[in-house]
Amino acid sequence: MPRSALTLHAAMSAVLVQMGGKRLGADEIATLIARHDLYRRPKDGRPPEGFQISLRARRYPQLFEGDESGQFRQIRLRLADKTPWRARASRRV
């Protein structure tokens, strides 16, 4: 199985940027990733499911925000720091 060119969180970021920064549901993000074939699971080559999107968003709080209740049913990019996430990661010591 060929590996995805993007990581799941990079694919999520790409979808959210394309949607103009609005909040999207985890299932909706998963559907858009699958539709544009941005990421496939290494284990079985299938696109991600909604629960994987929520879990990844929780794992990367520096990239993603949940909804007002602190849940990750509705997700958007964290925009407080305008520096691209790859650059922020490379600055860490």
PDB file of N, CA and C in Angstrom:
ATOM      1  N   MET A   1       0.823  -1.185   0.000  1.00  0.00           N
ATOM      2  CA  MET A   1       0.000   0.000   0.000  1.00  0.00           C
ATOM      3  C   MET A   1       0.871   1.255   0.000  1.00  0.00           C
ATOM      4  N   PRO A   2       0.638   2.185  -0.893  1.00  0.00           N
ATOM      5  CA  PRO A   2       1.431   3.422  -0.878  1.00  0.00           C
ATOM      6  C   PRO A   2       1.094   4.271   0.339  1.00  0.00           C
ATOM      7  N   ARG A   3       2.089   4.933   0.875  1.00  0.00           N
ATOM      8  CA  ARG A   3       1.893   5.810   2.038  1.00  0.00           C
ATOM      9  C   ARG A   3       1.256   7.121   1.597  1.00  0.00           C
ATOM     10  N   SER A   4       0.489   7.712   2.489  1.00  0.00           N
ATOM     11  CA  SER A   4      -0.098   9.023   2.217  1.00  0.00           C
ATOM     12  C   SER A   4       1.009  10.069   2.203  1.00  0.00           C
ATOM     13  N   ALA A   5       0.861  11.048   1.341  1.00  0.00           N
ATOM     14  CA  ALA A   5       1.850  12.124   1.265  1.00  0.00           C
ATOM     15  C   ALA A   5       1.760  13.038   2.484  1.00  0.00           C
ATOM     16  N   LEU A   6       0.582  13.127   3.085  1.00  0.00           N
ATOM     17  CA  LEU A   6       0.358  13.996   4.241  1.00  0.00           C
ATOM     18  C   LEU A   6       0.106  13.161   5.492  1.00  0.00           C
ATOM     19  N   THR A   7       0.424  13.733   6.638  1.00  0.00           N
ATOM     20  CA  THR A   7      -0.021  13.140   7.893  1.00  0.00           C
ATOM     21  C   THR A   7      -1.500  13.462   8.064  1.00  0.00           C
ATOM     22  N   LEU A   8      -2.152  12.781   8.971  1.00  0.00           N
ATOM     23  CA  LEU A   8      -3.574  13.049   9.186  1.00  0.00           C
ATOM     24  C   LEU A   8      -3.794  14.481   9.658  1.00  0.00           C
ATOM     25  N   HIS A   9      -2.985  14.964  10.590  1.00  0.00           N
ATOM     26  CA  HIS A   9      -3.210  16.334  11.070  1.00  0.00           C
ATOM     27  C   HIS A   9      -2.896  17.371   9.992  1.00  0.00           C
ATOM     28  N   ALA A  10      -1.968  17.073   9.083  1.00  0.00           N
ATOM     29  CA  ALA A  10      -1.723  17.997   7.961  1.00  0.00           C
ATOM     30  C   ALA A  10      -2.907  17.990   6.992  1.00  0.00           C
ATOM     31  N   ALA A  11      -3.487  16.825   6.749  1.00  0.00           N
ATOM     32  CA  ALA A  11      -4.668  16.736   5.881  1.00  0.00           C
ATOM     33  C   ALA A  11      -5.845  17.483   6.514  1.00  0.00           C
ATOM     34  N   MET A  12      -6.008  17.323   7.826  1.00  0.00           N
ATOM     35  CA  MET A  12      -7.066  18.050   8.533  1.00  0.00           C
ATOM     36  C   MET A  12      -6.860  19.558   8.398  1.00  0.00           C
ATOM     37  N   SER A  13      -5.624  20.002   8.584  1.00  0.00           N
ATOM     38  CA  SER A  13      -5.311  21.435   8.462  1.00  0.00           C
ATOM     39  C   SER A  13      -5.623  21.936   7.062  1.00  0.00           C
ATOM     40  N   ALA A  14      -5.263  21.158   6.046  1.00  0.00           N
ATOM     41  CA  ALA A  14      -5.516  21.560   4.661  1.00  0.00           C
ATOM     42  C   ALA A  14      -7.013  21.733   4.406  1.00  0.00           C
ATOM     43  N   VAL A  15      -7.812  20.800   4.900  1.00  0.00           N
ATOM     44  CA  VAL A  15      -9.271  20.889   4.728  1.00  0.00           C
ATOM     45  C   VAL A  15      -9.819  22.120   5.436  1.00  0.00           C
ATOM     46  N   LEU A  16      -9.379  22.340   6.656  1.00  0.00           N
ATOM     47  CA  LEU A  16      -9.890  23.475   7.427  1.00  0.00           C
ATOM     48  C   LEU A  16      -9.471  24.812   6.826  1.00  0.00           C
ATOM     49  N   VAL A  17      -8.274  24.901   6.281  1.00  0.00           N
ATOM     50  CA  VAL A  17      -7.841  26.126   5.596  1.00  0.00           C
ATOM     51  C   VAL A  17      -8.723  26.366   4.374  1.00  0.00           C
ATOM     52  N   GLN A  18      -8.985  25.305   3.600  1.00  0.00           N
ATOM     53  CA  GLN A  18      -9.827  25.443   2.401  1.00  0.00           C
ATOM     54  C   GLN A  18     -11.243  25.902   2.746  1.00  0.00           C
ATOM     55  N   MET A  19     -11.704  25.547   3.939  1.00  0.00           N
ATOM     56  CA  MET A  19     -13.055  25.918   4.349  1.00  0.00           C
ATOM     57  C   MET A  19     -13.096  27.297   5.012  1.00  0.00           C
ATOM     58  N   GLY A  20     -12.003  28.010   4.976  1.00  0.00           N
ATOM     59  CA  GLY A  20     -11.994  29.392   5.433  1.00  0.00           C
ATOM     60  C   GLY A  20     -11.978  29.586   6.938  1.00  0.00           C
ATOM     61  N   GLY A  21     -11.533  28.605   7.677  1.00  0.00           N
ATOM     62  CA  GLY A  21     -11.397  28.766   9.114  1.00  0.00           C
ATOM     63  C   GLY A  21     -12.653  28.520   9.928  1.00  0.00           C
ATOM     64  N   LYS A  22     -13.741  28.106   9.277  1.00  0.00           N
ATOM     65  CA  LYS A  22     -14.953  27.841  10.059  1.00  0.00           C
ATOM     66  C   LYS A  22     -14.853  26.468  10.732  1.00  0.00           C
ATOM     67  N   ARG A  23     -15.673  26.274  11.757  1.00  0.00           N
ATOM     68  CA  ARG A  23     -15.715  24.988  12.463  1.00  0.00           C
ATOM     69  C   ARG A  23     -16.420  23.948  11.591  1.00  0.00           C
ATOM     70  N   LEU A  24     -15.864  22.759  11.595  1.00  0.00           N
ATOM     71  CA  LEU A  24     -16.483  21.645  10.878  1.00  0.00           C
ATOM     72  C   LEU A  24     -16.595  20.462  11.828  1.00  0.00           C
ATOM     73  N   GLY A  25     -17.587  19.623  11.594  1.00  0.00           N
ATOM     74  CA  GLY A  25     -17.725  18.400  12.364  1.00  0.00           C
ATOM     75  C   GLY A  25     -16.639  17.406  11.967  1.00  0.00           C
ATOM     76  N   ALA A  26     -16.290  16.540  12.902  1.00  0.00           N
ATOM     77  CA  ALA A  26     -15.252  15.542  12.647  1.00  0.00           C
ATOM     78  C   ALA A  26     -15.618  14.646  11.462  1.00  0.00           C
ATOM     79  N   ASP A  27     -16.887  14.245  11.369  1.00  0.00           N
ATOM     80  CA  ASP A  27     -17.315  13.404  10.249  1.00  0.00           C
ATOM     81  C   ASP A  27     -17.223  14.155   8.926  1.00  0.00           C
ATOM     82  N   GLU A  28     -17.519  15.436   8.950  1.00  0.00           N
ATOM     83  CA  GLU A  28     -17.440  16.248   7.729  1.00  0.00           C
ATOM     84  C   GLU A  28     -15.983  16.394   7.271  1.00  0.00           C
ATOM     85  N   ILE A  29     -15.073  16.582   8.215  1.00  0.00           N
ATOM     86  CA  ILE A  29     -13.650  16.659   7.876  1.00  0.00           C
ATOM     87  C   ILE A  29     -13.193  15.335   7.287  1.00  0.00           C
ATOM     88  N   ALA A  30     -13.613  14.233   7.904  1.00  0.00           N
ATOM     89  CA  ALA A  30     -13.237  12.903   7.398  1.00  0.00           C
ATOM     90  C   ALA A  30     -13.755  12.699   5.976  1.00  0.00           C
ATOM     91  N   THR A  31     -14.980  13.134   5.719  1.00  0.00           N
ATOM     92  CA  THR A  31     -15.564  12.994   4.383  1.00  0.00           C
ATOM     93  C   THR A  31     -14.767  13.792   3.351  1.00  0.00           C
ATOM     94  N   LEU A  32     -14.393  15.014   3.693  1.00  0.00           N
ATOM     95  CA  LEU A  32     -13.630  15.846   2.757  1.00  0.00           C
ATOM     96  C   LEU A  32     -12.229  15.288   2.515  1.00  0.00           C
ATOM     97  N   ILE A  33     -11.599  14.760   3.549  1.00  0.00           N
ATOM     98  CA  ILE A  33     -10.277  14.133   3.376  1.00  0.00           C
ATOM     99  C   ILE A  33     -10.395  12.949   2.427  1.00  0.00           C
ATOM    100  N   ALA A  34     -11.440  12.138   2.602  1.00  0.00           N
ATOM    101  CA  ALA A  34     -11.649  10.980   1.726  1.00  0.00           C
ATOM    102  C   ALA A  34     -11.966  11.415   0.294  1.00  0.00           C
ATOM    103  N   ARG A  35     -12.832  12.412   0.154  1.00  0.00           N
ATOM    104  CA  ARG A  35     -13.234  12.886  -1.179  1.00  0.00           C
ATOM    105  C   ARG A  35     -12.036  13.368  -1.992  1.00  0.00           C
ATOM    106  N   HIS A  36     -11.098  14.036  -1.319  1.00  0.00           N
ATOM    107  CA  HIS A  36      -9.927  14.571  -2.015  1.00  0.00           C
ATOM    108  C   HIS A  36      -8.708  13.659  -1.904  1.00  0.00           C
ATOM    109  N   ASP A  37      -8.906  12.490  -1.303  1.00  0.00           N
ATOM    110  CA  ASP A  37      -7.859  11.468  -1.155  1.00  0.00           C
ATOM    111  C   ASP A  37      -6.572  12.060  -0.574  1.00  0.00           C
ATOM    112  N   LEU A  38      -6.728  12.791   0.533  1.00  0.00           N
ATOM    113  CA  LEU A  38      -5.585  13.456   1.162  1.00  0.00           C
ATOM    114  C   LEU A  38      -4.821  12.551   2.118  1.00  0.00           C
ATOM    115  N   TYR A  39      -5.504  11.553   2.682  1.00  0.00           N
ATOM    116  CA  TYR A  39      -4.856  10.685   3.669  1.00  0.00           C
ATOM    117  C   TYR A  39      -5.534   9.326   3.665  1.00  0.00           C
ATOM    118  N   ARG A  40      -4.722   8.292   3.798  1.00  0.00           N
ATOM    119  CA  ARG A  40      -5.217   6.924   3.964  1.00  0.00           C
ATOM    120  C   ARG A  40      -4.493   6.299   5.142  1.00  0.00           C
ATOM    121  N   ARG A  41      -5.206   5.515   5.919  1.00  0.00           N
ATOM    122  CA  ARG A  41      -4.617   4.866   7.086  1.00  0.00           C
ATOM    123  C   ARG A  41      -3.544   3.879   6.630  1.00  0.00           C
ATOM    124  N   PRO A  42      -2.372   3.923   7.250  1.00  0.00           N
ATOM    125  CA  PRO A  42      -1.289   3.024   6.849  1.00  0.00           C
ATOM    126  C   PRO A  42      -1.645   1.546   7.038  1.00  0.00           C
ATOM    127  N   LYS A  43      -2.429   1.250   8.039  1.00  0.00           N
ATOM    128  CA  LYS A  43      -2.749  -0.140   8.369  1.00  0.00           C
ATOM    129  C   LYS A  43      -3.561  -0.838   7.279  1.00  0.00           C
ATOM    130  N   ASP A  44      -4.590  -0.135   6.754  1.00  0.00           N
ATOM    131  CA  ASP A  44      -5.484  -0.801   5.806  1.00  0.00           C
ATOM    132  C   ASP A  44      -5.765   0.007   4.532  1.00  0.00           C
ATOM    133  N   GLY A  45      -5.172   1.187   4.401  1.00  0.00           N
ATOM    134  CA  GLY A  45      -5.346   1.980   3.184  1.00  0.00           C
ATOM    135  C   GLY A  45      -6.685   2.676   3.057  1.00  0.00           C
ATOM    136  N   ARG A  46      -7.498   2.635   4.099  1.00  0.00           N
ATOM    137  CA  ARG A  46      -8.803   3.298   4.061  1.00  0.00           C
ATOM    138  C   ARG A  46      -8.694   4.734   4.546  1.00  0.00           C
ATOM    139  N   PRO A  47      -9.634   5.590   4.156  1.00  0.00           N
ATOM    140  CA  PRO A  47      -9.628   6.968   4.669  1.00  0.00           C
ATOM    141  C   PRO A  47      -9.979   6.972   6.154  1.00  0.00           C
ATOM    142  N   PRO A  48      -9.647   8.048   6.861  1.00  0.00           N
ATOM    143  CA  PRO A  48      -9.925   8.109   8.301  1.00  0.00           C
ATOM    144  C   PRO A  48     -11.416   8.227   8.578  1.00  0.00           C
ATOM    145  N   GLU A  49     -11.775   7.845   9.785  1.00  0.00           N
ATOM    146  CA  GLU A  49     -13.159   7.980  10.247  1.00  0.00           C
ATOM    147  C   GLU A  49     -13.253   9.179  11.177  1.00  0.00           C
ATOM    148  N   GLY A  50     -14.471   9.609  11.436  1.00  0.00           N
ATOM    149  CA  GLY A  50     -14.695  10.797  12.261  1.00  0.00           C
ATOM    150  C   GLY A  50     -14.059  10.722  13.637  1.00  0.00           C
ATOM    151  N   PHE A  51     -14.120   9.551  14.277  1.00  0.00           N
ATOM    152  CA  PHE A  51     -13.545   9.452  15.618  1.00  0.00           C
ATOM    153  C   PHE A  51     -12.036   9.661  15.584  1.00  0.00           C
ATOM    154  N   GLN A  52     -11.384   9.259  14.486  1.00  0.00           N
ATOM    155  CA  GLN A  52      -9.935   9.483  14.368  1.00  0.00           C
ATOM    156  C   GLN A  52      -9.622  10.972  14.244  1.00  0.00           C
ATOM    157  N   ILE A  53     -10.484  11.697  13.568  1.00  0.00           N
ATOM    158  CA  ILE A  53     -10.315  13.145  13.418  1.00  0.00           C
ATOM    159  C   ILE A  53     -10.401  13.810  14.799  1.00  0.00           C
ATOM    160  N   SER A  54     -11.405  13.434  15.582  1.00  0.00           N
ATOM    161  CA  SER A  54     -11.550  14.001  16.926  1.00  0.00           C
ATOM    162  C   SER A  54     -10.344  13.683  17.799  1.00  0.00           C
ATOM    163  N   LEU A  55      -9.893  12.443  17.758  1.00  0.00           N
ATOM    164  CA  LEU A  55      -8.739  12.049  18.568  1.00  0.00           C
ATOM    165  C   LEU A  55      -7.483  12.803  18.165  1.00  0.00           C
ATOM    166  N   ARG A  56      -7.267  12.956  16.870  1.00  0.00           N
ATOM    167  CA  ARG A  56      -6.063  13.672  16.420  1.00  0.00           C
ATOM    168  C   ARG A  56      -6.131  15.133  16.811  1.00  0.00           C
ATOM    169  N   ALA A  57      -7.315  15.739  16.719  1.00  0.00           N
ATOM    170  CA  ALA A  57      -7.463  17.142  17.123  1.00  0.00           C
ATOM    171  C   ALA A  57      -7.140  17.311  18.603  1.00  0.00           C
ATOM    172  N   ARG A  58      -7.573  16.367  19.430  1.00  0.00           N
ATOM    173  CA  ARG A  58      -7.246  16.426  20.864  1.00  0.00           C
ATOM    174  C   ARG A  58      -5.757  16.279  21.114  1.00  0.00           C
ATOM    175  N   ARG A  59      -5.108  15.478  20.298  1.00  0.00           N
ATOM    176  CA  ARG A  59      -3.679  15.233  20.480  1.00  0.00           C
ATOM    177  C   ARG A  59      -2.836  16.445  20.080  1.00  0.00           C
ATOM    178  N   TYR A  60      -3.365  17.305  19.224  1.00  0.00           N
ATOM    179  CA  TYR A  60      -2.635  18.482  18.735  1.00  0.00           C
ATOM    180  C   TYR A  60      -3.373  19.772  19.112  1.00  0.00           C
ATOM    181  N   PRO A  61      -3.465  20.073  20.408  1.00  0.00           N
ATOM    182  CA  PRO A  61      -4.195  21.288  20.820  1.00  0.00           C
ATOM    183  C   PRO A  61      -3.522  22.576  20.345  1.00  0.00           C
ATOM    184  N   GLN A  62      -2.242  22.502  19.994  1.00  0.00           N
ATOM    185  CA  GLN A  62      -1.570  23.686  19.454  1.00  0.00           C
ATOM    186  C   GLN A  62      -2.039  23.992  18.027  1.00  0.00           C
ATOM    187  N   LEU A  63      -2.681  23.019  17.366  1.00  0.00           N
ATOM    188  CA  LEU A  63      -3.161  23.207  15.994  1.00  0.00           C
ATOM    189  C   LEU A  63      -4.673  23.401  15.904  1.00  0.00           C
ATOM    190  N   PHE A  64      -5.416  22.699  16.776  1.00  0.00           N
ATOM    191  CA  PHE A  64      -6.866  22.635  16.636  1.00  0.00           C
ATOM    192  C   PHE A  64      -7.588  23.069  17.904  1.00  0.00           C
ATOM    193  N   GLU A  65      -8.768  23.643  17.704  1.00  0.00           N
ATOM    194  CA  GLU A  65      -9.663  24.016  18.808  1.00  0.00           C
ATOM    195  C   GLU A  65     -10.931  23.193  18.700  1.00  0.00           C
ATOM    196  N   GLY A  66     -11.457  22.806  19.849  1.00  0.00           N
ATOM    197  CA  GLY A  66     -12.754  22.143  19.888  1.00  0.00           C
ATOM    198  C   GLY A  66     -13.859  23.180  19.974  1.00  0.00           C
ATOM    199  N   ASP A  67     -15.054  22.703  20.259  1.00  0.00           N
ATOM    200  CA  ASP A  67     -16.180  23.630  20.399  1.00  0.00           C
ATOM    201  C   ASP A  67     -16.167  24.282  21.776  1.00  0.00           C
ATOM    202  N   GLU A  68     -17.158  25.106  22.047  1.00  0.00           N
ATOM    203  CA  GLU A  68     -17.198  25.890  23.285  1.00  0.00           C
ATOM    204  C   GLU A  68     -17.219  25.018  24.537  1.00  0.00           C
ATOM    205  N   SER A  69     -17.740  23.805  24.430  1.00  0.00           N
ATOM    206  CA  SER A  69     -17.823  22.914  25.588  1.00  0.00           C
ATOM    207  C   SER A  69     -16.509  22.177  25.848  1.00  0.00           C
ATOM    208  N   GLY A  70     -15.521  22.393  24.991  1.00  0.00           N
ATOM    209  CA  GLY A  70     -14.240  21.714  25.153  1.00  0.00           C
ATOM    210  C   GLY A  70     -14.193  20.361  24.465  1.00  0.00           C
ATOM    211  N   GLN A  71     -15.278  19.975  23.841  1.00  0.00           N
ATOM    212  CA  GLN A  71     -15.321  18.717  23.090  1.00  0.00           C
ATOM    213  C   GLN A  71     -14.774  18.963  21.687  1.00  0.00           C
ATOM    214  N   PHE A  72     -14.512  17.918  20.973  1.00  0.00           N
ATOM    215  CA  PHE A  72     -13.984  18.060  19.614  1.00  0.00           C
ATOM    216  C   PHE A  72     -14.969  17.504  18.592  1.00  0.00           C
ATOM    217  N   ARG A  73     -16.248  17.846  18.788  1.00  0.00           N
ATOM    218  CA  ARG A  73     -17.259  17.484  17.794  1.00  0.00           C
ATOM    219  C   ARG A  73     -17.203  18.463  16.626  1.00  0.00           C
ATOM    220  N   GLN A  74     -16.966  19.725  16.955  1.00  0.00           N
ATOM    221  CA  GLN A  74     -16.784  20.780  15.956  1.00  0.00           C
ATOM    222  C   GLN A  74     -15.342  21.269  16.108  1.00  0.00           C
ATOM    223  N   ILE A  75     -14.599  21.259  15.022  1.00  0.00           N
ATOM    224  CA  ILE A  75     -13.164  21.527  15.082  1.00  0.00           C
ATOM    225  C   ILE A  75     -12.818  22.675  14.140  1.00  0.00           C
ATOM    226  N   ARG A  76     -11.883  23.504  14.574  1.00  0.00           N
ATOM    227  CA  ARG A  76     -11.327  24.519  13.678  1.00  0.00           C
ATOM    228  C   ARG A  76      -9.850  24.674  13.994  1.00  0.00           C
ATOM    229  N   LEU A  77      -9.141  25.322  13.093  1.00  0.00           N
ATOM    230  CA  LEU A  77      -7.719  25.585  13.318  1.00  0.00           C
ATOM    231  C   LEU A  77      -7.558  26.614  14.420  1.00  0.00           C
ATOM    232  N   ARG A  78      -6.548  26.456  15.219  1.00  0.00           N
ATOM    233  CA  ARG A  78      -6.205  27.448  16.234  1.00  0.00           C
ATOM    234  C   ARG A  78      -5.452  28.557  15.505  1.00  0.00           C
ATOM    235  N   LEU A  79      -5.967  29.770  15.555  1.00  0.00           N
ATOM    236  CA  LEU A  79      -5.414  30.863  14.757  1.00  0.00           C
ATOM    237  C   LEU A  79      -4.720  31.934  15.591  1.00  0.00           C
ATOM    238  N   ALA A  80      -4.481  31.681  16.857  1.00  0.00           N
ATOM    239  CA  ALA A  80      -3.868  32.701  17.714  1.00  0.00           C
ATOM    240  C   ALA A  80      -2.476  33.078  17.210  1.00  0.00           C
ATOM    241  N   ASP A  81      -1.714  32.105  16.783  1.00  0.00           N
ATOM    242  CA  ASP A  81      -0.364  32.346  16.264  1.00  0.00           C
ATOM    243  C   ASP A  81      -0.422  32.160  14.757  1.00  0.00           C
ATOM    244  N   LYS A  82      -0.130  33.186  13.992  1.00  0.00           N
ATOM    245  CA  LYS A  82      -0.235  33.120  12.535  1.00  0.00           C
ATOM    246  C   LYS A  82       0.946  32.400  11.892  1.00  0.00           C
ATOM    247  N   THR A  83       1.948  31.998  12.680  1.00  0.00           N
ATOM    248  CA  THR A  83       3.102  31.291  12.141  1.00  0.00           C
ATOM    249  C   THR A  83       2.668  29.903  11.692  1.00  0.00           C
ATOM    250  N   PRO A  84       3.068  29.454  10.504  1.00  0.00           N
ATOM    251  CA  PRO A  84       2.701  28.103  10.065  1.00  0.00           C
ATOM    252  C   PRO A  84       3.144  27.064  11.086  1.00  0.00           C
ATOM    253  N   TRP A  85       2.332  26.005  11.254  1.00  0.00           N
ATOM    254  CA  TRP A  85       2.595  25.023  12.303  1.00  0.00           C
ATOM    255  C   TRP A  85       3.933  24.334  12.140  1.00  0.00           C
ATOM    256  N   ARG A  86       4.420  24.124  10.945  1.00  0.00           N
ATOM    257  CA  ARG A  86       5.728  23.479  10.768  1.00  0.00           C
ATOM    258  C   ARG A  86       6.837  24.378  11.323  1.00  0.00           C
ATOM    259  N   ALA A  87       6.693  25.670  11.111  1.00  0.00           N
ATOM    260  CA  ALA A  87       7.700  26.603  11.625  1.00  0.00           C
ATOM    261  C   ALA A  87       7.678  26.647  13.149  1.00  0.00           C
ATOM    262  N   ARG A  88       6.468  26.625  13.741  1.00  0.00           N
ATOM    263  CA  ARG A  88       6.376  26.624  15.204  1.00  0.00           C
ATOM    264  C   ARG A  88       7.038  25.385  15.770  1.00  0.00           C
ATOM    265  N   ALA A  89       6.817  24.235  15.148  1.00  0.00           N
ATOM    266  CA  ALA A  89       7.391  22.988  15.646  1.00  0.00           C
ATOM    267  C   ALA A  89       8.918  23.018  15.574  1.00  0.00           C
ATOM    268  N   SER A  90       9.460  23.646  14.548  1.00  0.00           N
ATOM    269  CA  SER A  90      10.914  23.678  14.400  1.00  0.00           C
ATOM    270  C   SER A  90      11.575  24.640  15.374  1.00  0.00           C
ATOM    271  N   ARG A  91      10.800  25.563  15.969  1.00  0.00           N
ATOM    272  CA  ARG A  91      11.354  26.522  16.921  1.00  0.00           C
ATOM    273  C   ARG A  91      11.551  25.926  18.309  1.00  0.00           C
ATOM    274  N   ARG A  92      10.900  24.809  18.582  1.00  0.00           N
ATOM    275  CA  ARG A  92      10.989  24.210  19.917  1.00  0.00           C
ATOM    276  C   ARG A  92      12.389  23.750  20.220  1.00  0.00           C
ATOM    277  N   VAL A  93      12.791  23.950  21.452  1.00  0.00           N
ATOM    278  CA  VAL A  93      14.142  23.559  21.868  1.00  0.00           C
ATOM    279  C   VAL A  93      14.064  22.413  22.839  1.00  0.00           C
TER     280      VAL A  93
END
